[in-house]
Amino acid sequence: MIQSTQELTLNKLIILFLIHHMRIPLSNTQITEFILERNYTDYFSIQQYLSELVEAKLLLTQIDNHTTRYVIESKGERTLEYFLNRIPVHTREEIMQYIQTHRPQIRQEIEITAEYIPEKQNEYLVICKVVENETLLMELKVNVVSKEQAKKICNNWKQSAQVHYGQILSSLTNPTSKDKKNAKNA
């Protein structure tokens, strides 16, 4: 796909606009899916744009749970502000609509994570996390004896981490029956 300089600039600005307004780090996959779904450009061009935006220090990369995520730098913010009028209004509106409907799901993907790592034969380490505003609230590491158990724990954590987090926190902060008995006898 041969693109004009104007199209190259527009597509880079679209990436900056998306990341800026999402206000959370986005993975390569999330950015790529968004752009490909709207046929703004092709996969290889997206990868080139991301690389060039990082090289120009308009975007910063972060590695999180084996995933590269992109964050807009202050230089990228200034560039976007200066050239914002080059993104057509209908494109900006389309991006804002996408952000409004997809931000909660994307935020949850970042804030609630679970992965498993093979340790030895028939032993897997499951790591479950809850993060809020880049602060680790809880990290739970559990050794299990099968890959199926590891997958099940990961899936359950991703689906209902808030419930599990609340239950764990409650059980750790509520007095046990032994504590109540000791308090009564004191």
N, C-alpha and C. Protein backbone atom coordinates (compact mmCIF):
# COMPACT_ATOMS: atom_id res chain seq x y z
N MET A 1 0.85 -1.17 0.00
CA MET A 1 0.00 0.00 0.00
C MET A 1 0.89 1.24 0.00
N ILE A 2 0.81 2.03 -1.04
CA ILE A 2 1.58 3.25 -1.14
C ILE A 2 0.74 4.39 -0.57
N GLN A 3 1.35 5.12 0.38
CA GLN A 3 0.62 6.19 1.04
C GLN A 3 1.35 7.51 0.83
N SER A 4 0.58 8.57 0.75
CA SER A 4 1.18 9.89 0.62
C SER A 4 1.71 10.34 1.98
N THR A 5 2.53 11.37 1.97
CA THR A 5 3.06 11.93 3.21
C THR A 5 1.92 12.40 4.10
N GLN A 6 0.88 12.93 3.50
CA GLN A 6 -0.28 13.40 4.27
C GLN A 6 -0.96 12.23 4.99
N GLU A 7 -1.10 11.09 4.30
CA GLU A 7 -1.70 9.91 4.93
C GLU A 7 -0.82 9.37 6.05
N LEU A 8 0.50 9.37 5.83
CA LEU A 8 1.44 8.92 6.86
C LEU A 8 1.30 9.77 8.12
N THR A 9 1.27 11.08 7.93
CA THR A 9 1.14 12.01 9.04
C THR A 9 -0.20 11.80 9.74
N LEU A 10 -1.27 11.67 8.97
CA LEU A 10 -2.60 11.49 9.55
C LEU A 10 -2.65 10.21 10.39
N ASN A 11 -2.12 9.13 9.90
CA ASN A 11 -2.17 7.87 10.63
C ASN A 11 -1.35 7.93 11.92
N LYS A 12 -0.23 8.60 11.90
CA LYS A 12 0.55 8.78 13.13
C LYS A 12 -0.22 9.65 14.13
N LEU A 13 -0.87 10.69 13.63
CA LEU A 13 -1.66 11.55 14.51
C LEU A 13 -2.85 10.79 15.10
N ILE A 14 -3.44 9.90 14.31
CA ILE A 14 -4.55 9.08 14.81
C ILE A 14 -4.07 8.20 15.97
N ILE A 15 -2.89 7.62 15.84
CA ILE A 15 -2.34 6.79 16.91
C ILE A 15 -2.11 7.65 18.16
N LEU A 16 -1.52 8.82 17.99
CA LEU A 16 -1.29 9.71 19.13
C LEU A 16 -2.61 10.12 19.77
N PHE A 17 -3.59 10.44 18.95
CA PHE A 17 -4.91 10.87 19.46
C PHE A 17 -5.56 9.74 20.26
N LEU A 18 -5.52 8.54 19.72
CA LEU A 18 -6.11 7.39 20.39
C LEU A 18 -5.46 7.16 21.76
N ILE A 19 -4.15 7.12 21.81
CA ILE A 19 -3.44 6.85 23.06
C ILE A 19 -3.65 8.00 24.05
N HIS A 20 -3.59 9.23 23.56
CA HIS A 20 -3.79 10.39 24.43
C HIS A 20 -5.17 10.36 25.10
N HIS A 21 -6.20 10.14 24.33
CA HIS A 21 -7.56 10.21 24.87
C HIS A 21 -7.97 8.94 25.61
N MET A 22 -7.33 7.84 25.35
CA MET A 22 -7.64 6.62 26.10
C MET A 22 -7.16 6.79 27.55
N ARG A 23 -6.07 7.52 27.72
CA ARG A 23 -5.49 7.82 29.04
C ARG A 23 -5.03 6.59 29.82
N ILE A 24 -4.80 5.51 29.11
CA ILE A 24 -4.20 4.32 29.69
C ILE A 24 -3.25 3.73 28.64
N PRO A 25 -2.20 3.07 29.08
CA PRO A 25 -1.27 2.47 28.11
C PRO A 25 -1.98 1.44 27.24
N LEU A 26 -1.71 1.48 25.95
CA LEU A 26 -2.33 0.55 25.01
C LEU A 26 -1.28 -0.40 24.45
N SER A 27 -1.69 -1.64 24.25
CA SER A 27 -0.80 -2.63 23.67
C SER A 27 -0.77 -2.48 22.15
N ASN A 28 0.24 -3.07 21.57
CA ASN A 28 0.35 -3.09 20.11
C ASN A 28 -0.91 -3.71 19.50
N THR A 29 -1.38 -4.78 20.10
CA THR A 29 -2.57 -5.47 19.60
C THR A 29 -3.79 -4.57 19.64
N GLN A 30 -3.98 -3.85 20.74
CA GLN A 30 -5.15 -2.97 20.87
C GLN A 30 -5.11 -1.85 19.83
N ILE A 31 -3.95 -1.26 19.63
CA ILE A 31 -3.81 -0.19 18.64
C ILE A 31 -4.04 -0.75 17.24
N THR A 32 -3.42 -1.87 16.96
CA THR A 32 -3.53 -2.49 15.64
C THR A 32 -4.97 -2.87 15.31
N GLU A 33 -5.66 -3.50 16.26
CA GLU A 33 -7.05 -3.89 16.02
C GLU A 33 -7.92 -2.68 15.72
N PHE A 34 -7.74 -1.63 16.50
CA PHE A 34 -8.54 -0.42 16.28
C PHE A 34 -8.33 0.12 14.87
N ILE A 35 -7.10 0.26 14.45
CA ILE A 35 -6.80 0.86 13.16
C ILE A 35 -7.21 -0.05 12.01
N LEU A 36 -6.97 -1.34 12.13
CA LEU A 36 -7.35 -2.27 11.06
C LEU A 36 -8.87 -2.38 10.91
N GLU A 37 -9.60 -2.36 12.03
CA GLU A 37 -11.07 -2.44 11.96
C GLU A 37 -11.66 -1.27 11.18
N ARG A 38 -10.97 -0.14 11.18
CA ARG A 38 -11.48 1.05 10.49
C ARG A 38 -10.80 1.27 9.14
N ASN A 39 -9.93 0.35 8.77
CA ASN A 39 -9.23 0.42 7.48
C ASN A 39 -8.47 1.73 7.28
N TYR A 40 -7.88 2.24 8.36
CA TYR A 40 -7.09 3.46 8.22
C TYR A 40 -5.81 3.18 7.45
N THR A 41 -5.22 2.00 7.70
CA THR A 41 -3.98 1.61 7.02
C THR A 41 -3.78 0.11 7.23
N ASP A 42 -2.66 -0.40 6.77
CA ASP A 42 -2.39 -1.84 6.87
C ASP A 42 -1.51 -2.15 8.08
N TYR A 43 -1.41 -3.42 8.40
CA TYR A 43 -0.68 -3.89 9.59
C TYR A 43 0.77 -3.43 9.59
N PHE A 44 1.46 -3.61 8.48
CA PHE A 44 2.89 -3.30 8.44
C PHE A 44 3.16 -1.81 8.61
N SER A 45 2.29 -1.00 8.07
CA SER A 45 2.43 0.45 8.26
C SER A 45 2.24 0.83 9.72
N ILE A 46 1.28 0.21 10.39
CA ILE A 46 1.05 0.49 11.82
C ILE A 46 2.32 0.20 12.60
N GLN A 47 2.94 -0.95 12.34
CA GLN A 47 4.16 -1.32 13.06
C GLN A 47 5.27 -0.30 12.80
N GLN A 48 5.36 0.14 11.56
CA GLN A 48 6.37 1.15 11.21
C GLN A 48 6.08 2.46 11.93
N TYR A 49 4.81 2.89 11.96
CA TYR A 49 4.44 4.15 12.62
C TYR A 49 4.77 4.09 14.10
N LEU A 50 4.43 2.98 14.74
CA LEU A 50 4.70 2.85 16.17
C LEU A 50 6.21 2.94 16.44
N SER A 51 6.97 2.25 15.62
CA SER A 51 8.42 2.29 15.76
C SER A 51 8.95 3.72 15.57
N GLU A 52 8.46 4.40 14.56
CA GLU A 52 8.92 5.77 14.29
C GLU A 52 8.48 6.74 15.40
N LEU A 53 7.28 6.54 15.94
CA LEU A 53 6.80 7.41 17.02
C LEU A 53 7.63 7.21 18.29
N VAL A 54 8.05 5.99 18.55
CA VAL A 54 8.91 5.71 19.70
C VAL A 54 10.29 6.31 19.46
N GLU A 55 10.82 6.09 18.26
CA GLU A 55 12.13 6.61 17.91
C GLU A 55 12.18 8.13 18.00
N ALA A 56 11.09 8.79 17.63
CA ALA A 56 11.01 10.26 17.68
C ALA A 56 10.69 10.76 19.09
N LYS A 57 10.54 9.83 20.04
CA LYS A 57 10.22 10.14 21.44
C LYS A 57 8.86 10.82 21.60
N LEU A 58 7.93 10.44 20.71
CA LEU A 58 6.55 10.90 20.85
C LEU A 58 5.74 9.89 21.66
N LEU A 59 6.19 8.63 21.60
CA LEU A 59 5.60 7.56 22.41
C LEU A 59 6.71 6.90 23.21
N LEU A 60 6.30 6.36 24.35
CA LEU A 60 7.19 5.61 25.22
C LEU A 60 6.65 4.19 25.33
N THR A 61 7.53 3.20 25.36
CA THR A 61 7.07 1.82 25.54
C THR A 61 7.28 1.40 26.99
N GLN A 62 6.34 0.57 27.47
CA GLN A 62 6.43 -0.03 28.79
C GLN A 62 6.19 -1.51 28.62
N ILE A 63 6.95 -2.33 29.32
CA ILE A 63 6.72 -3.77 29.29
C ILE A 63 5.95 -4.13 30.56
N ASP A 64 4.80 -4.77 30.38
CA ASP A 64 3.94 -5.14 31.50
C ASP A 64 3.37 -6.52 31.23
N ASN A 65 3.71 -7.49 32.09
CA ASN A 65 3.24 -8.87 31.92
C ASN A 65 3.54 -9.39 30.52
N HIS A 66 4.75 -9.21 30.08
CA HIS A 66 5.22 -9.70 28.78
C HIS A 66 4.50 -9.02 27.61
N THR A 67 3.91 -7.86 27.84
CA THR A 67 3.21 -7.12 26.80
C THR A 67 3.80 -5.73 26.69
N THR A 68 4.11 -5.30 25.47
CA THR A 68 4.59 -3.94 25.27
C THR A 68 3.38 -3.03 25.16
N ARG A 69 3.39 -1.97 25.96
CA ARG A 69 2.30 -0.99 25.94
C ARG A 69 2.90 0.37 25.59
N TYR A 70 2.07 1.19 24.95
CA TYR A 70 2.51 2.51 24.50
C TYR A 70 1.83 3.60 25.31
N VAL A 71 2.64 4.60 25.68
CA VAL A 71 2.17 5.77 26.42
C VAL A 71 2.65 7.00 25.66
N ILE A 72 1.82 8.01 25.62
CA ILE A 72 2.21 9.23 24.91
C ILE A 72 3.15 10.06 25.78
N GLU A 73 4.23 10.55 25.19
CA GLU A 73 5.21 11.41 25.86
C GLU A 73 4.74 12.86 25.77
N SER A 74 5.35 13.73 26.55
CA SER A 74 4.97 15.16 26.51
C SER A 74 5.24 15.75 25.12
N LYS A 75 6.29 15.29 24.48
CA LYS A 75 6.58 15.76 23.11
C LYS A 75 5.47 15.31 22.16
N GLY A 76 4.93 14.12 22.37
CA GLY A 76 3.81 13.63 21.57
C GLY A 76 2.55 14.43 21.83
N GLU A 77 2.34 14.81 23.10
CA GLU A 77 1.19 15.65 23.46
C GLU A 77 1.26 16.99 22.73
N ARG A 78 2.44 17.61 22.75
CA ARG A 78 2.61 18.91 22.08
C ARG A 78 2.41 18.78 20.57
N THR A 79 2.95 17.72 20.00
CA THR A 79 2.80 17.48 18.56
C THR A 79 1.33 17.31 18.20
N LEU A 80 0.62 16.52 18.98
CA LEU A 80 -0.80 16.30 18.75
C LEU A 80 -1.58 17.61 18.86
N GLU A 81 -1.28 18.38 19.88
CA GLU A 81 -1.97 19.67 20.08
C GLU A 81 -1.75 20.59 18.87
N TYR A 82 -0.52 20.61 18.39
CA TYR A 82 -0.17 21.49 17.28
C TYR A 82 -0.84 21.07 15.96
N PHE A 83 -0.93 19.76 15.73
CA PHE A 83 -1.44 19.26 14.46
C PHE A 83 -2.84 18.64 14.55
N LEU A 84 -3.53 18.85 15.65
CA LEU A 84 -4.85 18.25 15.86
C LEU A 84 -5.82 18.52 14.72
N ASN A 85 -5.76 19.72 14.16
CA ASN A 85 -6.70 20.08 13.08
C ASN A 85 -6.48 19.27 11.80
N ARG A 86 -5.42 18.52 11.71
CA ARG A 86 -5.19 17.66 10.54
C ARG A 86 -5.98 16.35 10.60
N ILE A 87 -6.51 16.03 11.78
CA ILE A 87 -7.36 14.85 11.91
C ILE A 87 -8.78 15.30 11.65
N PRO A 88 -9.44 14.76 10.64
CA PRO A 88 -10.82 15.17 10.34
C PRO A 88 -11.73 15.00 11.56
N VAL A 89 -12.69 15.89 11.68
CA VAL A 89 -13.61 15.88 12.82
C VAL A 89 -14.33 14.54 12.93
N HIS A 90 -14.78 13.98 11.81
CA HIS A 90 -15.50 12.70 11.87
C HIS A 90 -14.58 11.57 12.38
N THR A 91 -13.29 11.64 12.08
CA THR A 91 -12.34 10.64 12.57
C THR A 91 -12.15 10.79 14.07
N ARG A 92 -12.01 12.03 14.54
CA ARG A 92 -11.87 12.27 15.97
C ARG A 92 -13.11 11.78 16.72
N GLU A 93 -14.28 12.04 16.16
CA GLU A 93 -15.53 11.59 16.79
C GLU A 93 -15.60 10.07 16.83
N GLU A 94 -15.17 9.43 15.75
CA GLU A 94 -15.15 7.97 15.69
C GLU A 94 -14.22 7.39 16.76
N ILE A 95 -13.07 7.99 16.93
CA ILE A 95 -12.11 7.55 17.95
C ILE A 95 -12.69 7.75 19.34
N MET A 96 -13.29 8.90 19.58
CA MET A 96 -13.87 9.18 20.90
C MET A 96 -15.00 8.21 21.23
N GLN A 97 -15.79 7.84 20.23
CA GLN A 97 -16.86 6.86 20.44
C GLN A 97 -16.26 5.50 20.80
N TYR A 98 -15.23 5.11 20.10
CA TYR A 98 -14.54 3.85 20.40
C TYR A 98 -14.01 3.87 21.84
N ILE A 99 -13.38 4.96 22.22
CA ILE A 99 -12.81 5.08 23.57
C ILE A 99 -13.91 4.96 24.62
N GLN A 100 -15.00 5.64 24.39
CA GLN A 100 -16.10 5.62 25.35
C GLN A 100 -16.63 4.20 25.58
N THR A 101 -16.73 3.43 24.52
CA THR A 101 -17.29 2.08 24.66
C THR A 101 -16.25 1.03 25.08
N HIS A 102 -14.97 1.25 24.78
CA HIS A 102 -13.97 0.22 25.03
C HIS A 102 -13.03 0.49 26.21
N ARG A 103 -13.00 1.71 26.73
CA ARG A 103 -12.07 2.02 27.82
C ARG A 103 -12.26 1.10 29.03
N PRO A 104 -13.49 0.85 29.51
CA PRO A 104 -13.62 -0.02 30.69
C PRO A 104 -13.01 -1.41 30.49
N GLN A 105 -13.25 -1.98 29.33
CA GLN A 105 -12.71 -3.32 29.03
C GLN A 105 -11.18 -3.28 28.96
N ILE A 106 -10.63 -2.28 28.31
CA ILE A 106 -9.18 -2.17 28.18
C ILE A 106 -8.55 -1.89 29.54
N ARG A 107 -9.18 -1.03 30.35
CA ARG A 107 -8.68 -0.75 31.69
C ARG A 107 -8.64 -2.04 32.52
N GLN A 108 -9.69 -2.84 32.41
CA GLN A 108 -9.74 -4.09 33.16
C GLN A 108 -8.63 -5.04 32.71
N GLU A 109 -8.35 -5.08 31.42
CA GLU A 109 -7.27 -5.94 30.91
C GLU A 109 -5.93 -5.55 31.51
N ILE A 110 -5.75 -4.27 31.79
CA ILE A 110 -4.49 -3.79 32.35
C ILE A 110 -4.47 -3.97 33.86
N GLU A 111 -5.61 -3.70 34.51
CA GLU A 111 -5.65 -3.70 35.96
C GLU A 111 -5.81 -5.09 36.56
N ILE A 112 -6.36 -6.02 35.83
CA ILE A 112 -6.56 -7.37 36.34
C ILE A 112 -5.84 -8.33 35.41
N THR A 113 -4.78 -8.93 35.93
CA THR A 113 -3.99 -9.83 35.09
C THR A 113 -3.80 -11.17 35.80
N ALA A 114 -3.63 -12.18 34.99
CA ALA A 114 -3.33 -13.52 35.50
C ALA A 114 -2.53 -14.25 34.44
N GLU A 115 -1.49 -14.90 34.88
CA GLU A 115 -0.67 -15.70 33.97
C GLU A 115 -0.11 -16.88 34.73
N TYR A 116 0.29 -17.89 33.99
CA TYR A 116 0.93 -19.04 34.64
C TYR A 116 2.23 -19.35 33.93
N ILE A 117 3.16 -19.87 34.73
CA ILE A 117 4.50 -20.17 34.24
C ILE A 117 4.83 -21.61 34.63
N PRO A 118 5.21 -22.44 33.66
CA PRO A 118 5.64 -23.80 34.02
C PRO A 118 6.91 -23.72 34.87
N GLU A 119 6.91 -24.42 35.99
CA GLU A 119 8.07 -24.43 36.88
C GLU A 119 8.85 -25.72 36.68
N LYS A 120 8.22 -26.83 36.95
CA LYS A 120 8.79 -28.16 36.79
C LYS A 120 7.73 -29.02 36.13
N GLN A 121 8.04 -30.28 35.94
CA GLN A 121 7.03 -31.18 35.38
C GLN A 121 5.86 -31.25 36.36
N ASN A 122 4.66 -31.00 35.85
CA ASN A 122 3.43 -31.02 36.66
C ASN A 122 3.44 -29.99 37.78
N GLU A 123 4.09 -28.87 37.55
CA GLU A 123 4.05 -27.77 38.52
C GLU A 123 4.03 -26.45 37.77
N TYR A 124 3.04 -25.63 38.11
CA TYR A 124 2.86 -24.34 37.45
C TYR A 124 2.71 -23.25 38.50
N LEU A 125 3.35 -22.13 38.28
CA LEU A 125 3.20 -20.97 39.15
C LEU A 125 2.17 -20.04 38.51
N VAL A 126 1.08 -19.77 39.23
CA VAL A 126 0.04 -18.86 38.76
C VAL A 126 0.24 -17.53 39.47
N ILE A 127 0.27 -16.44 38.70
CA ILE A 127 0.46 -15.10 39.25
C ILE A 127 -0.76 -14.26 38.88
N CYS A 128 -1.51 -13.85 39.89
CA CYS A 128 -2.71 -13.04 39.69
C CYS A 128 -2.46 -11.67 40.32
N LYS A 129 -2.87 -10.61 39.62
CA LYS A 129 -2.62 -9.25 40.12
C LYS A 129 -3.86 -8.39 39.96
N VAL A 130 -3.96 -7.42 40.87
CA VAL A 130 -4.92 -6.32 40.75
C VAL A 130 -4.10 -5.05 40.88
N VAL A 131 -4.21 -4.18 39.87
CA VAL A 131 -3.47 -2.92 39.83
C VAL A 131 -4.49 -1.80 39.64
N GLU A 132 -4.27 -0.70 40.34
CA GLU A 132 -5.13 0.47 40.15
C GLU A 132 -4.25 1.70 40.08
N ASN A 133 -4.42 2.48 39.02
CA ASN A 133 -3.61 3.69 38.81
C ASN A 133 -2.12 3.39 38.97
N GLU A 134 -1.69 2.31 38.35
CA GLU A 134 -0.30 1.88 38.33
C GLU A 134 0.23 1.47 39.71
N THR A 135 -0.66 1.30 40.69
CA THR A 135 -0.27 0.83 42.02
C THR A 135 -0.72 -0.60 42.18
N LEU A 136 0.20 -1.47 42.52
CA LEU A 136 -0.13 -2.87 42.75
C LEU A 136 -0.91 -2.99 44.05
N LEU A 137 -2.17 -3.41 43.96
CA LEU A 137 -3.01 -3.58 45.15
C LEU A 137 -2.85 -4.98 45.73
N MET A 138 -2.75 -5.97 44.85
CA MET A 138 -2.63 -7.34 45.33
C MET A 138 -1.92 -8.17 44.26
N GLU A 139 -1.04 -9.04 44.74
CA GLU A 139 -0.40 -10.02 43.88
C GLU A 139 -0.49 -11.35 44.61
N LEU A 140 -1.05 -12.30 43.95
CA LEU A 140 -1.25 -13.63 44.53
C LEU A 140 -0.49 -14.63 43.67
N LYS A 141 0.40 -15.40 44.32
CA LYS A 141 1.17 -16.43 43.62
C LYS A 141 0.80 -17.77 44.22
N VAL A 142 0.43 -18.70 43.35
CA VAL A 142 0.00 -20.02 43.79
C VAL A 142 0.65 -21.08 42.91
N ASN A 143 1.19 -22.11 43.54
CA ASN A 143 1.70 -23.26 42.81
C ASN A 143 0.58 -24.28 42.65
N VAL A 144 0.40 -24.78 41.44
CA VAL A 144 -0.61 -25.80 41.18
C VAL A 144 0.03 -26.96 40.43
N VAL A 145 -0.69 -28.09 40.38
CA VAL A 145 -0.09 -29.31 39.84
C VAL A 145 -0.48 -29.63 38.40
N SER A 146 -1.33 -28.81 37.80
CA SER A 146 -1.68 -29.10 36.41
C SER A 146 -1.90 -27.82 35.62
N LYS A 147 -1.69 -27.94 34.34
CA LYS A 147 -1.91 -26.82 33.44
C LYS A 147 -3.39 -26.43 33.43
N GLU A 148 -4.27 -27.42 33.54
CA GLU A 148 -5.71 -27.16 33.56
C GLU A 148 -6.09 -26.32 34.77
N GLN A 149 -5.53 -26.65 35.94
CA GLN A 149 -5.79 -25.85 37.15
C GLN A 149 -5.28 -24.43 36.95
N ALA A 150 -4.10 -24.29 36.40
CA ALA A 150 -3.52 -22.97 36.17
C ALA A 150 -4.40 -22.13 35.26
N LYS A 151 -4.86 -22.73 34.17
CA LYS A 151 -5.75 -22.02 33.23
C LYS A 151 -7.05 -21.62 33.90
N LYS A 152 -7.61 -22.54 34.70
CA LYS A 152 -8.88 -22.27 35.37
C LYS A 152 -8.74 -21.12 36.36
N ILE A 153 -7.66 -21.11 37.12
CA ILE A 153 -7.43 -20.03 38.07
C ILE A 153 -7.29 -18.70 37.33
N CYS A 154 -6.52 -18.70 36.25
CA CYS A 154 -6.34 -17.47 35.46
C CYS A 154 -7.68 -16.96 34.93
N ASN A 155 -8.46 -17.84 34.35
CA ASN A 155 -9.77 -17.43 33.81
C ASN A 155 -10.70 -16.92 34.91
N ASN A 156 -10.75 -17.63 36.04
CA ASN A 156 -11.62 -17.20 37.14
C ASN A 156 -11.18 -15.85 37.69
N TRP A 157 -9.88 -15.65 37.80
CA TRP A 157 -9.37 -14.38 38.31
C TRP A 157 -9.76 -13.23 37.38
N LYS A 158 -9.57 -13.43 36.09
CA LYS A 158 -9.88 -12.37 35.13
C LYS A 158 -11.37 -12.05 35.13
N GLN A 159 -12.21 -13.04 35.34
CA GLN A 159 -13.66 -12.83 35.31
C GLN A 159 -14.19 -12.19 36.59
N SER A 160 -13.58 -12.49 37.73
CA SER A 160 -14.17 -11.99 38.98
C SER A 160 -13.11 -11.61 40.01
N ALA A 161 -12.08 -10.91 39.58
CA ALA A 161 -11.00 -10.51 40.48
C ALA A 161 -11.49 -9.58 41.59
N GLN A 162 -12.44 -8.69 41.27
CA GLN A 162 -12.93 -7.78 42.31
C GLN A 162 -13.55 -8.56 43.46
N VAL A 163 -14.32 -9.59 43.14
CA VAL A 163 -14.95 -10.41 44.17
C VAL A 163 -13.88 -11.13 45.00
N HIS A 164 -12.93 -11.77 44.33
CA HIS A 164 -11.87 -12.49 45.03
C HIS A 164 -11.03 -11.54 45.88
N TYR A 165 -10.70 -10.39 45.31
CA TYR A 165 -9.92 -9.39 46.03
C TYR A 165 -10.64 -8.99 47.31
N GLY A 166 -11.93 -8.70 47.19
CA GLY A 166 -12.73 -8.31 48.36
C GLY A 166 -12.80 -9.41 49.40
N GLN A 167 -12.98 -10.65 48.94
CA GLN A 167 -13.06 -11.78 49.88
C GLN A 167 -11.73 -12.00 50.60
N ILE A 168 -10.63 -11.93 49.89
CA ILE A 168 -9.32 -12.12 50.50
C ILE A 168 -9.05 -11.00 51.51
N LEU A 169 -9.31 -9.77 51.10
CA LEU A 169 -9.08 -8.63 51.98
C LEU A 169 -9.95 -8.74 53.23
N SER A 170 -11.20 -9.11 53.05
CA SER A 170 -12.13 -9.26 54.18
C SER A 170 -11.66 -10.35 55.13
N SER A 171 -11.26 -11.49 54.59
CA SER A 171 -10.83 -12.59 55.46
C SER A 171 -9.54 -12.25 56.19
N LEU A 172 -8.70 -11.42 55.61
CA LEU A 172 -7.45 -11.04 56.27
C LEU A 172 -7.64 -9.94 57.31
N THR A 173 -8.69 -9.13 57.16
CA THR A 173 -8.89 -8.02 58.08
C THR A 173 -9.93 -8.30 59.16
N ASN A 174 -10.78 -9.30 58.97
CA ASN A 174 -11.78 -9.64 59.99
C ASN A 174 -11.15 -10.53 61.03
N PRO A 175 -11.54 -10.33 62.28
CA PRO A 175 -10.97 -11.19 63.34
C PRO A 175 -11.41 -12.64 63.16
N THR A 176 -10.52 -13.55 63.48
CA THR A 176 -10.84 -14.98 63.41
C THR A 176 -11.59 -15.37 64.68
N SER A 177 -12.15 -16.55 64.68
CA SER A 177 -12.86 -17.03 65.88
C SER A 177 -11.90 -17.12 67.06
N LYS A 178 -10.64 -17.45 66.82
CA LYS A 178 -9.63 -17.52 67.88
C LYS A 178 -9.41 -16.12 68.46
N ASP A 179 -9.33 -15.10 67.57
CA ASP A 179 -9.15 -13.72 68.03
C ASP A 179 -10.34 -13.29 68.89
N LYS A 180 -11.55 -13.64 68.47
CA LYS A 180 -12.77 -13.27 69.21
C LYS A 180 -12.77 -13.96 70.58
N LYS A 181 -12.35 -15.21 70.62
CA LYS A 181 -12.32 -15.96 71.89
C LYS A 181 -11.29 -15.35 72.84
N ASN A 182 -10.11 -15.00 72.29
CA ASN A 182 -9.07 -14.38 73.12
C ASN A 182 -9.52 -13.01 73.65
N ALA A 183 -10.21 -12.24 72.84
CA ALA A 183 -10.71 -10.93 73.25
C ALA A 183 -11.77 -11.08 74.34
N LYS A 184 -12.59 -12.10 74.22
CA LYS A 184 -13.66 -12.35 75.19
C LYS A 184 -13.06 -12.76 76.54
N ASN A 185 -12.00 -13.57 76.53
CA ASN A 185 -11.36 -14.06 77.75
C ASN A 185 -10.47 -13.01 78.41
N ALA A 186 -10.14 -11.98 77.70
CA ALA A 186 -9.21 -10.96 78.25
C ALA A 186 -9.86 -10.01 79.21
